[in-house]
Amino acid sequence: MSQDPRNTEHEGSRPAQEPDGTPSGQRPPPAEEDLAATFVRETEVIEESIEDGKKVRRKGIYLLPNLFTTSALFAGFFSVIAGINGDFTAAAVAIFIAMVLDGLDGRVARMTHTQSAFGAEYDSLSDMLSFGVAPALVAFTWILQDIGKTGWVVAFLYVACAALRLARFNVQIGSVDKKWFIGLPSPSAAAFVAASVWTFHSFDADAVGFKLLMLLVVAAAGVLMVSNIRYYSFKDIDLKGPVPFVVLLAIVLGFVVISVEPSVMLLLLFGSYVASGPVLAVMRKMQRPPPAG
């Protein structure tokens, strides 16, 4: 028995429907519907680590310590922009801000038990900009560019030494005494360069003496970063334990002294730390008994 043409025509004019009853023309394509979920899934960070002898697979990143790292990265980038625009005081201050934030992200991660391989790598990349590229570029745009080829070669030397210093530090974690840094830490080197720019910028920058002095500062900071000279790390200081009242009084006095003339005081502070490594190395060598024979 043949089907009624009217029923056939009626069925043909009825809009197609999905299994759930939604007209196909009104249902968004699956690709558009799952676009956000697909993006989140494809960009997810997955880490594998060994905890208590077992392999642990973790998705996502820890927000709090990486916020500090991102803030340090922003401060380093701001320093680069300020240096290009000729605002060298703001550029130097931004490097010091990045230094403070860099010191906080690791401590926050340890205090909240949110250490991760992603955070360590992100911190190193942030340090490369804030304490490698930014100080060299600020010093170059301020005065080293007046020296010509020698100026940018020395600036590149500093950047290369900072990269080598960070790479060496990453592979030596856990194999060296935490009480000492091998080589000048990159944040201290950057602070020394930034304080020099901040202090000397108020003087006659056209004088040949300042150009040669800044050339020596940048080159020495770079070479000391990749040297084997030991620097005290201050990591063995117990910040949680009680201290004599005079210690807090000394800290308050230090803040007061620095606030009087920040650029000069910071230059003296970090200049002393930079010099402490070679001085202590010479003293240890002089105190070493001569070989028998």
C-alpha atoms as a PDB file:
ATOM      1  CA  MET A   1       0.000   0.000   0.000  1.00  0.00           C
ATOM      2  CA  SER A   2       1.482   3.325  -1.040  1.00  0.00           C
ATOM      3  CA  GLN A   3       2.078   6.181   1.443  1.00  0.00           C
ATOM      4  CA  ASP A   4      -0.247   9.181   1.274  1.00  0.00           C
ATOM      5  CA  PRO A   5       1.524  12.053  -0.607  1.00  0.00           C
ATOM      6  CA  ARG A   6       0.112  14.549   1.840  1.00  0.00           C
ATOM      7  CA  ASN A   7       1.759  12.768   4.757  1.00  0.00           C
ATOM      8  CA  THR A   8       5.002  12.607   2.797  1.00  0.00           C
ATOM      9  CA  GLU A   9       4.893  16.326   2.053  1.00  0.00           C
ATOM     10  CA  HIS A  10       4.075  17.102   5.654  1.00  0.00           C
ATOM     11  CA  GLU A  11       6.948  15.001   6.946  1.00  0.00           C
ATOM     12  CA  GLY A  12       9.336  16.633   4.489  1.00  0.00           C
ATOM     13  CA  SER A  13       8.420  20.139   5.630  1.00  0.00           C
ATOM     14  CA  ARG A  14       8.919  19.346   9.345  1.00  0.00           C
ATOM     15  CA  PRO A  15      12.312  20.687  10.589  1.00  0.00           C
ATOM     16  CA  ALA A  16      14.848  18.093  11.565  1.00  0.00           C
ATOM     17  CA  GLN A  17      15.349  17.612  15.290  1.00  0.00           C
ATOM     18  CA  GLU A  18      18.225  16.452  17.494  1.00  0.00           C
ATOM     19  CA  PRO A  19      17.692  13.424  19.744  1.00  0.00           C
ATOM     20  CA  ASP A  20      16.968  15.755  22.678  1.00  0.00           C
ATOM     21  CA  GLY A  21      14.187  17.502  20.716  1.00  0.00           C
ATOM     22  CA  THR A  22      16.121  20.712  19.974  1.00  0.00           C
ATOM     23  CA  PRO A  23      15.777  21.917  16.361  1.00  0.00           C
ATOM     24  CA  SER A  24      19.086  21.425  14.568  1.00  0.00           C
ATOM     25  CA  GLY A  25      19.107  25.005  13.318  1.00  0.00           C
ATOM     26  CA  GLN A  26      18.935  26.355  16.874  1.00  0.00           C
ATOM     27  CA  ARG A  27      21.607  24.105  18.435  1.00  0.00           C
ATOM     28  CA  PRO A  28      25.167  25.591  18.390  1.00  0.00           C
ATOM     29  CA  PRO A  29      27.801  23.506  16.654  1.00  0.00           C
ATOM     30  CA  PRO A  30      29.820  21.313  19.031  1.00  0.00           C
ATOM     31  CA  ALA A  31      33.049  23.140  18.085  1.00  0.00           C
ATOM     32  CA  GLU A  32      31.633  26.491  19.226  1.00  0.00           C
ATOM     33  CA  GLU A  33      29.995  25.052  22.292  1.00  0.00           C
ATOM     34  CA  ASP A  34      33.179  23.433  23.616  1.00  0.00           C
ATOM     35  CA  LEU A  35      35.622  26.137  22.516  1.00  0.00           C
ATOM     36  CA  ALA A  36      36.326  27.397  26.047  1.00  0.00           C
ATOM     37  CA  ALA A  37      36.613  23.893  27.480  1.00  0.00           C
ATOM     38  CA  THR A  38      38.924  22.850  24.668  1.00  0.00           C
ATOM     39  CA  PHE A  39      41.136  25.901  25.186  1.00  0.00           C
ATOM     40  CA  VAL A  40      41.411  25.201  28.927  1.00  0.00           C
ATOM     41  CA  ARG A  41      42.202  21.553  28.297  1.00  0.00           C
ATOM     42  CA  GLU A  42      44.801  22.182  25.591  1.00  0.00           C
ATOM     43  CA  THR A  43      46.620  24.901  27.578  1.00  0.00           C
ATOM     44  CA  GLU A  44      46.586  23.084  30.927  1.00  0.00           C
ATOM     45  CA  VAL A  45      49.939  22.670  32.688  1.00  0.00           C
ATOM     46  CA  ILE A  46      50.615  19.104  33.810  1.00  0.00           C
ATOM     47  CA  GLU A  47      53.526  18.320  36.129  1.00  0.00           C
ATOM     48  CA  GLU A  48      54.897  14.965  37.221  1.00  0.00           C
ATOM     49  CA  SER A  49      56.901  14.748  40.430  1.00  0.00           C
ATOM     50  CA  ILE A  50      58.063  12.136  42.899  1.00  0.00           C
ATOM     51  CA  GLU A  51      56.521  12.484  46.371  1.00  0.00           C
ATOM     52  CA  ASP A  52      57.167   9.859  49.058  1.00  0.00           C
ATOM     53  CA  GLY A  53      58.549   7.532  46.411  1.00  0.00           C
ATOM     54  CA  LYS A  54      55.406   7.731  44.268  1.00  0.00           C
ATOM     55  CA  LYS A  55      54.894   9.491  40.974  1.00  0.00           C
ATOM     56  CA  VAL A  56      52.320  12.273  41.351  1.00  0.00           C
ATOM     57  CA  ARG A  57      50.645  13.880  38.340  1.00  0.00           C
ATOM     58  CA  ARG A  58      49.331  17.372  39.045  1.00  0.00           C
ATOM     59  CA  LYS A  59      47.270  19.656  36.816  1.00  0.00           C
ATOM     60  CA  GLY A  60      47.275  23.426  37.030  1.00  0.00           C
ATOM     61  CA  ILE A  61      49.624  25.914  38.708  1.00  0.00           C
ATOM     62  CA  TYR A  62      49.735  27.546  42.119  1.00  0.00           C
ATOM     63  CA  LEU A  63      48.368  31.078  41.947  1.00  0.00           C
ATOM     64  CA  LEU A  64      49.875  32.897  44.947  1.00  0.00           C
ATOM     65  CA  PRO A  65      53.639  32.481  44.372  1.00  0.00           C
ATOM     66  CA  ASN A  66      53.258  32.966  40.615  1.00  0.00           C
ATOM     67  CA  LEU A  67      51.464  36.268  41.255  1.00  0.00           C
ATOM     68  CA  PHE A  68      54.599  37.531  42.999  1.00  0.00           C
ATOM     69  CA  THR A  69      56.742  36.259  40.113  1.00  0.00           C
ATOM     70  CA  THR A  70      54.474  37.985  37.589  1.00  0.00           C
ATOM     71  CA  SER A  71      54.699  41.213  39.575  1.00  0.00           C
ATOM     72  CA  ALA A  72      58.504  40.962  39.552  1.00  0.00           C
ATOM     73  CA  LEU A  73      58.399  40.349  35.798  1.00  0.00           C
ATOM     74  CA  PHE A  74      56.218  43.428  35.340  1.00  0.00           C
ATOM     75  CA  ALA A  75      58.635  45.537  37.402  1.00  0.00           C
ATOM     76  CA  GLY A  76      61.542  44.341  35.260  1.00  0.00           C
ATOM     77  CA  PHE A  77      59.681  45.140  32.045  1.00  0.00           C
ATOM     78  CA  PHE A  78      58.706  48.552  33.404  1.00  0.00           C
ATOM     79  CA  SER A  79      62.391  49.191  34.131  1.00  0.00           C
ATOM     80  CA  VAL A  80      63.229  48.478  30.479  1.00  0.00           C
ATOM     81  CA  ILE A  81      60.500  50.857  29.250  1.00  0.00           C
ATOM     82  CA  ALA A  82      61.545  53.581  31.710  1.00  0.00           C
ATOM     83  CA  GLY A  83      65.170  53.251  30.627  1.00  0.00           C
ATOM     84  CA  ILE A  84      64.229  53.579  26.953  1.00  0.00           C
ATOM     85  CA  ASN A  85      62.191  56.686  27.788  1.00  0.00           C
ATOM     86  CA  GLY A  86      65.103  58.226  29.694  1.00  0.00           C
ATOM     87  CA  ASP A  87      63.523  57.999  33.174  1.00  0.00           C
ATOM     88  CA  PHE A  88      66.531  56.344  34.792  1.00  0.00           C
ATOM     89  CA  THR A  89      65.475  56.956  38.392  1.00  0.00           C
ATOM     90  CA  ALA A  90      62.199  55.088  37.859  1.00  0.00           C
ATOM     91  CA  ALA A  91      64.076  52.367  35.978  1.00  0.00           C
ATOM     92  CA  ALA A  92      66.468  51.828  38.884  1.00  0.00           C
ATOM     93  CA  VAL A  93      63.676  51.846  41.473  1.00  0.00           C
ATOM     94  CA  ALA A  94      61.733  49.276  39.429  1.00  0.00           C
ATOM     95  CA  ILE A  95      64.714  46.901  39.555  1.00  0.00           C
ATOM     96  CA  PHE A  96      64.776  47.159  43.350  1.00  0.00           C
ATOM     97  CA  ILE A  97      61.031  46.482  43.475  1.00  0.00           C
ATOM     98  CA  ALA A  98      61.561  43.418  41.287  1.00  0.00           C
ATOM     99  CA  MET A  99      64.281  42.298  43.678  1.00  0.00           C
ATOM    100  CA  VAL A 100      61.938  42.499  46.673  1.00  0.00           C
ATOM    101  CA  LEU A 101      59.156  40.637  44.858  1.00  0.00           C
ATOM    102  CA  ASP A 102      61.610  37.987  43.667  1.00  0.00           C
ATOM    103  CA  GLY A 103      62.637  37.364  47.252  1.00  0.00           C
ATOM    104  CA  LEU A 104      59.012  37.011  48.321  1.00  0.00           C
ATOM    105  CA  ASP A 105      57.779  34.494  45.739  1.00  0.00           C
ATOM    106  CA  GLY A 106      60.122  31.720  46.872  1.00  0.00           C
ATOM    107  CA  ARG A 107      59.440  32.302  50.553  1.00  0.00           C
ATOM    108  CA  VAL A 108      55.680  32.387  49.983  1.00  0.00           C
ATOM    109  CA  ALA A 109      55.899  29.127  48.029  1.00  0.00           C
ATOM    110  CA  ARG A 110      57.826  27.443  50.843  1.00  0.00           C
ATOM    111  CA  MET A 111      55.562  28.799  53.570  1.00  0.00           C
ATOM    112  CA  THR A 112      52.393  27.679  51.772  1.00  0.00           C
ATOM    113  CA  HIS A 113      53.929  24.434  50.428  1.00  0.00           C
ATOM    114  CA  THR A 114      53.210  25.471  46.839  1.00  0.00           C
ATOM    115  CA  GLN A 115      56.626  24.827  45.268  1.00  0.00           C
ATOM    116  CA  SER A 116      56.516  23.485  41.732  1.00  0.00           C
ATOM    117  CA  ALA A 117      58.787  22.943  38.756  1.00  0.00           C
ATOM    118  CA  PHE A 118      56.678  25.397  36.754  1.00  0.00           C
ATOM    119  CA  GLY A 119      57.175  28.077  39.410  1.00  0.00           C
ATOM    120  CA  ALA A 120      60.944  27.513  39.443  1.00  0.00           C
ATOM    121  CA  GLU A 121      61.224  27.832  35.661  1.00  0.00           C
ATOM    122  CA  TYR A 122      58.918  30.858  35.571  1.00  0.00           C
ATOM    123  CA  ASP A 123      60.996  32.514  38.295  1.00  0.00           C
ATOM    124  CA  SER A 124      64.217  31.974  36.323  1.00  0.00           C
ATOM    125  CA  LEU A 125      62.733  33.517  33.185  1.00  0.00           C
ATOM    126  CA  SER A 126      61.480  36.473  35.205  1.00  0.00           C
ATOM    127  CA  ASP A 127      64.949  36.887  36.769  1.00  0.00           C
ATOM    128  CA  MET A 128      66.538  36.879  33.319  1.00  0.00           C
ATOM    129  CA  LEU A 129      64.519  39.946  32.336  1.00  0.00           C
ATOM    130  CA  SER A 130      64.556  41.785  35.671  1.00  0.00           C
ATOM    131  CA  PHE A 131      68.183  41.127  36.654  1.00  0.00           C
ATOM    132  CA  GLY A 132      69.802  40.373  33.303  1.00  0.00           C
ATOM    133  CA  VAL A 133      68.313  42.384  30.459  1.00  0.00           C
ATOM    134  CA  ALA A 134      66.900  45.345  32.425  1.00  0.00           C
ATOM    135  CA  PRO A 135      70.097  46.476  34.250  1.00  0.00           C
ATOM    136  CA  ALA A 136      72.229  46.101  31.128  1.00  0.00           C
ATOM    137  CA  LEU A 137      69.752  48.025  28.971  1.00  0.00           C
ATOM    138  CA  VAL A 138      69.299  50.788  31.566  1.00  0.00           C
ATOM    139  CA  ALA A 139      73.065  51.219  31.911  1.00  0.00           C
ATOM    140  CA  PHE A 140      73.498  51.178  28.136  1.00  0.00           C
ATOM    141  CA  THR A 141      70.774  53.735  27.366  1.00  0.00           C
ATOM    142  CA  TRP A 142      72.054  56.011  30.129  1.00  0.00           C
ATOM    143  CA  ILE A 143      75.792  56.185  29.415  1.00  0.00           C
ATOM    144  CA  LEU A 144      77.327  53.072  27.851  1.00  0.00           C
ATOM    145  CA  GLN A 145      75.962  53.936  24.414  1.00  0.00           C
ATOM    146  CA  ASP A 146      78.257  56.984  24.414  1.00  0.00           C
ATOM    147  CA  ILE A 147      81.281  54.678  24.433  1.00  0.00           C
ATOM    148  CA  GLY A 148      80.277  53.046  21.170  1.00  0.00           C
ATOM    149  CA  LYS A 149      80.945  49.408  20.391  1.00  0.00           C
ATOM    150  CA  THR A 150      82.683  48.784  23.701  1.00  0.00           C
ATOM    151  CA  GLY A 151      79.568  49.905  25.564  1.00  0.00           C
ATOM    152  CA  TRP A 152      77.142  47.448  23.968  1.00  0.00           C
ATOM    153  CA  VAL A 153      79.702  44.631  24.105  1.00  0.00           C
ATOM    154  CA  VAL A 154      80.057  45.088  27.867  1.00  0.00           C
ATOM    155  CA  ALA A 155      76.257  45.297  28.217  1.00  0.00           C
ATOM    156  CA  PHE A 156      75.925  42.028  26.319  1.00  0.00           C
ATOM    157  CA  LEU A 157      78.641  40.487  28.496  1.00  0.00           C
ATOM    158  CA  TYR A 158      76.532  41.275  31.550  1.00  0.00           C
ATOM    159  CA  VAL A 159      73.397  39.756  29.986  1.00  0.00           C
ATOM    160  CA  ALA A 160      75.251  36.594  28.953  1.00  0.00           C
ATOM    161  CA  CYS A 161      76.813  36.212  32.404  1.00  0.00           C
ATOM    162  CA  ALA A 162      73.395  36.632  34.038  1.00  0.00           C
ATOM    163  CA  ALA A 163      71.976  33.861  31.832  1.00  0.00           C
ATOM    164  CA  LEU A 164      74.905  31.567  32.632  1.00  0.00           C
ATOM    165  CA  ARG A 165      74.608  32.377  36.350  1.00  0.00           C
ATOM    166  CA  LEU A 166      70.913  31.466  36.420  1.00  0.00           C
ATOM    167  CA  ALA A 167      71.467  28.258  34.444  1.00  0.00           C
ATOM    168  CA  ARG A 168      74.282  27.172  36.752  1.00  0.00           C
ATOM    169  CA  PHE A 169      72.225  27.976  39.838  1.00  0.00           C
ATOM    170  CA  ASN A 170      69.326  25.838  38.574  1.00  0.00           C
ATOM    171  CA  VAL A 171      71.479  22.750  38.002  1.00  0.00           C
ATOM    172  CA  GLN A 172      73.332  23.141  41.318  1.00  0.00           C
ATOM    173  CA  ILE A 173      70.226  23.275  43.528  1.00  0.00           C
ATOM    174  CA  GLY A 174      70.564  20.655  46.222  1.00  0.00           C
ATOM    175  CA  SER A 175      74.255  19.967  45.543  1.00  0.00           C
ATOM    176  CA  VAL A 176      75.857  23.022  47.176  1.00  0.00           C
ATOM    177  CA  ASP A 177      75.884  24.455  50.690  1.00  0.00           C
ATOM    178  CA  LYS A 178      72.816  26.677  51.087  1.00  0.00           C
ATOM    179  CA  LYS A 179      74.801  28.999  53.329  1.00  0.00           C
ATOM    180  CA  TRP A 180      76.780  30.253  50.324  1.00  0.00           C
ATOM    181  CA  PHE A 181      76.108  31.374  46.765  1.00  0.00           C
ATOM    182  CA  ILE A 182      78.663  30.318  44.163  1.00  0.00           C
ATOM    183  CA  GLY A 183      79.184  33.550  42.288  1.00  0.00           C
ATOM    184  CA  LEU A 184      77.458  36.880  42.812  1.00  0.00           C
ATOM    185  CA  PRO A 185      73.652  36.416  42.860  1.00  0.00           C
ATOM    186  CA  SER A 186      71.983  38.042  39.864  1.00  0.00           C
ATOM    187  CA  PRO A 187      69.592  40.189  41.988  1.00  0.00           C
ATOM    188  CA  SER A 188      72.554  41.663  43.886  1.00  0.00           C
ATOM    189  CA  ALA A 189      74.434  42.309  40.651  1.00  0.00           C
ATOM    190  CA  ALA A 190      71.380  44.047  39.204  1.00  0.00           C
ATOM    191  CA  ALA A 191      70.942  46.096  42.390  1.00  0.00           C
ATOM    192  CA  PHE A 192      74.598  47.187  42.221  1.00  0.00           C
ATOM    193  CA  VAL A 193      74.217  48.346  38.610  1.00  0.00           C
ATOM    194  CA  ALA A 194      70.840  50.005  39.277  1.00  0.00           C
ATOM    195  CA  ALA A 195      72.128  51.843  42.366  1.00  0.00           C
ATOM    196  CA  SER A 196      75.131  53.072  40.365  1.00  0.00           C
ATOM    197  CA  VAL A 197      72.878  54.458  37.618  1.00  0.00           C
ATOM    198  CA  TRP A 198      70.531  55.991  40.195  1.00  0.00           C
ATOM    199  CA  THR A 199      73.385  57.688  42.079  1.00  0.00           C
ATOM    200  CA  PHE A 200      75.614  58.802  39.197  1.00  0.00           C
ATOM    201  CA  HIS A 201      72.699  60.031  37.076  1.00  0.00           C
ATOM    202  CA  SER A 202      72.534  63.206  39.167  1.00  0.00           C
ATOM    203  CA  PHE A 203      76.153  64.031  38.284  1.00  0.00           C
ATOM    204  CA  ASP A 204      77.775  65.086  35.011  1.00  0.00           C
ATOM    205  CA  ALA A 205      77.130  62.010  32.863  1.00  0.00           C
ATOM    206  CA  ASP A 206      79.247  63.438  30.040  1.00  0.00           C
ATOM    207  CA  ALA A 207      82.453  63.139  32.040  1.00  0.00           C
ATOM    208  CA  VAL A 208      84.795  60.441  30.763  1.00  0.00           C
ATOM    209  CA  GLY A 209      85.404  59.241  34.307  1.00  0.00           C
ATOM    210  CA  PHE A 210      81.746  58.271  34.825  1.00  0.00           C
ATOM    211  CA  LYS A 211      81.677  56.422  31.526  1.00  0.00           C
ATOM    212  CA  LEU A 212      84.737  54.362  32.427  1.00  0.00           C
ATOM    213  CA  LEU A 213      83.450  53.795  35.966  1.00  0.00           C
ATOM    214  CA  MET A 214      80.083  52.535  34.712  1.00  0.00           C
ATOM    215  CA  LEU A 215      81.866  50.337  32.196  1.00  0.00           C
ATOM    216  CA  LEU A 216      83.867  48.811  35.056  1.00  0.00           C
ATOM    217  CA  VAL A 217      80.776  48.378  37.255  1.00  0.00           C
ATOM    218  CA  VAL A 218      78.791  46.509  34.602  1.00  0.00           C
ATOM    219  CA  ALA A 219      81.728  44.342  33.531  1.00  0.00           C
ATOM    220  CA  ALA A 220      82.738  43.488  37.110  1.00  0.00           C
ATOM    221  CA  ALA A 221      79.165  42.602  38.109  1.00  0.00           C
ATOM    222  CA  GLY A 222      78.868  40.302  35.094  1.00  0.00           C
ATOM    223  CA  VAL A 223      82.180  38.507  35.653  1.00  0.00           C
ATOM    224  CA  LEU A 224      81.543  38.062  39.386  1.00  0.00           C
ATOM    225  CA  MET A 225      78.212  36.351  38.621  1.00  0.00           C
ATOM    226  CA  VAL A 226      79.968  33.509  36.775  1.00  0.00           C
ATOM    227  CA  SER A 227      82.980  33.330  39.105  1.00  0.00           C
ATOM    228  CA  ASN A 228      83.503  30.661  41.759  1.00  0.00           C
ATOM    229  CA  ILE A 229      83.756  33.266  44.520  1.00  0.00           C
ATOM    230  CA  ARG A 230      81.457  32.462  47.432  1.00  0.00           C
ATOM    231  CA  TYR A 231      78.910  34.967  48.729  1.00  0.00           C
ATOM    232  CA  TYR A 232      76.995  34.651  51.975  1.00  0.00           C
ATOM    233  CA  SER A 233      73.356  33.740  51.231  1.00  0.00           C
ATOM    234  CA  PHE A 234      71.758  34.707  54.601  1.00  0.00           C
ATOM    235  CA  LYS A 235      69.606  31.553  54.264  1.00  0.00           C
ATOM    236  CA  ASP A 236      70.730  30.164  57.610  1.00  0.00           C
ATOM    237  CA  ILE A 237      69.168  33.093  59.486  1.00  0.00           C
ATOM    238  CA  ASP A 238      66.168  31.921  61.506  1.00  0.00           C
ATOM    239  CA  LEU A 239      63.407  34.449  60.842  1.00  0.00           C
ATOM    240  CA  LYS A 240      60.911  32.569  63.012  1.00  0.00           C
ATOM    241  CA  GLY A 241      62.978  32.440  66.187  1.00  0.00           C
ATOM    242  CA  PRO A 242      63.266  35.178  68.838  1.00  0.00           C
ATOM    243  CA  VAL A 243      65.993  37.797  68.470  1.00  0.00           C
ATOM    244  CA  PRO A 244      67.375  40.442  70.855  1.00  0.00           C
ATOM    245  CA  PHE A 245      65.542  43.753  70.885  1.00  0.00           C
ATOM    246  CA  VAL A 246      68.632  45.535  69.588  1.00  0.00           C
ATOM    247  CA  VAL A 247      68.315  43.627  66.288  1.00  0.00           C
ATOM    248  CA  LEU A 248      64.929  45.189  65.564  1.00  0.00           C
ATOM    249  CA  LEU A 249      66.312  48.569  66.604  1.00  0.00           C
ATOM    250  CA  ALA A 250      69.183  48.151  64.144  1.00  0.00           C
ATOM    251  CA  ILE A 251      66.748  47.294  61.334  1.00  0.00           C
ATOM    252  CA  VAL A 252      64.680  50.396  62.048  1.00  0.00           C
ATOM    253  CA  LEU A 253      67.847  52.496  62.090  1.00  0.00           C
ATOM    254  CA  GLY A 254      68.857  50.967  58.753  1.00  0.00           C
ATOM    255  CA  PHE A 255      65.565  52.004  57.164  1.00  0.00           C
ATOM    256  CA  VAL A 256      66.010  55.539  58.518  1.00  0.00           C
ATOM    257  CA  VAL A 257      69.546  55.815  57.122  1.00  0.00           C
ATOM    258  CA  ILE A 258      68.495  54.485  53.717  1.00  0.00           C
ATOM    259  CA  SER A 259      65.546  56.884  53.536  1.00  0.00           C
ATOM    260  CA  VAL A 260      67.860  59.902  53.997  1.00  0.00           C
ATOM    261  CA  GLU A 261      69.602  59.306  50.650  1.00  0.00           C
ATOM    262  CA  PRO A 262      68.259  56.059  49.133  1.00  0.00           C
ATOM    263  CA  SER A 263      70.446  55.914  46.028  1.00  0.00           C
ATOM    264  CA  VAL A 264      73.744  56.522  47.845  1.00  0.00           C
ATOM    265  CA  MET A 265      72.922  54.230  50.778  1.00  0.00           C
ATOM    266  CA  LEU A 266      71.793  51.395  48.504  1.00  0.00           C
ATOM    267  CA  LEU A 267      74.943  51.795  46.418  1.00  0.00           C
ATOM    268  CA  LEU A 268      77.095  51.562  49.541  1.00  0.00           C
ATOM    269  CA  LEU A 269      75.105  48.570  50.809  1.00  0.00           C
ATOM    270  CA  PHE A 270      75.239  46.498  47.630  1.00  0.00           C
ATOM    271  CA  GLY A 271      78.713  47.732  46.757  1.00  0.00           C
ATOM    272  CA  SER A 272      79.888  46.352  50.091  1.00  0.00           C
ATOM    273  CA  TYR A 273      78.182  43.039  49.418  1.00  0.00           C
ATOM    274  CA  VAL A 274      79.720  42.805  45.931  1.00  0.00           C
ATOM    275  CA  ALA A 275      83.171  43.519  47.388  1.00  0.00           C
ATOM    276  CA  SER A 276      82.690  41.084  50.288  1.00  0.00           C
ATOM    277  CA  GLY A 277      83.121  38.040  48.064  1.00  0.00           C
ATOM    278  CA  PRO A 278      86.613  38.849  46.705  1.00  0.00           C
ATOM    279  CA  VAL A 279      87.737  40.274  50.069  1.00  0.00           C
ATOM    280  CA  LEU A 280      86.730  37.136  51.994  1.00  0.00           C
ATOM    281  CA  ALA A 281      88.280  34.946  49.289  1.00  0.00           C
ATOM    282  CA  VAL A 282      91.621  36.767  49.670  1.00  0.00           C
ATOM    283  CA  MET A 283      91.419  36.528  53.469  1.00  0.00           C
ATOM    284  CA  ARG A 284      90.761  32.782  53.339  1.00  0.00           C
ATOM    285  CA  LYS A 285      93.679  32.315  50.969  1.00  0.00           C
ATOM    286  CA  MET A 286      96.000  34.293  53.260  1.00  0.00           C
ATOM    287  CA  GLN A 287      94.937  32.306  56.326  1.00  0.00           C
ATOM    288  CA  ARG A 288      95.447  28.973  54.578  1.00  0.00           C
ATOM    289  CA  PRO A 289      98.636  27.290  55.868  1.00  0.00           C
ATOM    290  CA  PRO A 290     101.373  26.874  53.254  1.00  0.00           C
ATOM    291  CA  PRO A 291     101.811  23.358  51.850  1.00  0.00           C
ATOM    292  CA  ALA A 292     104.334  21.244  53.671  1.00  0.00           C
ATOM    293  CA  GLY A 293     107.420  20.371  51.851  1.00  0.00           C
END
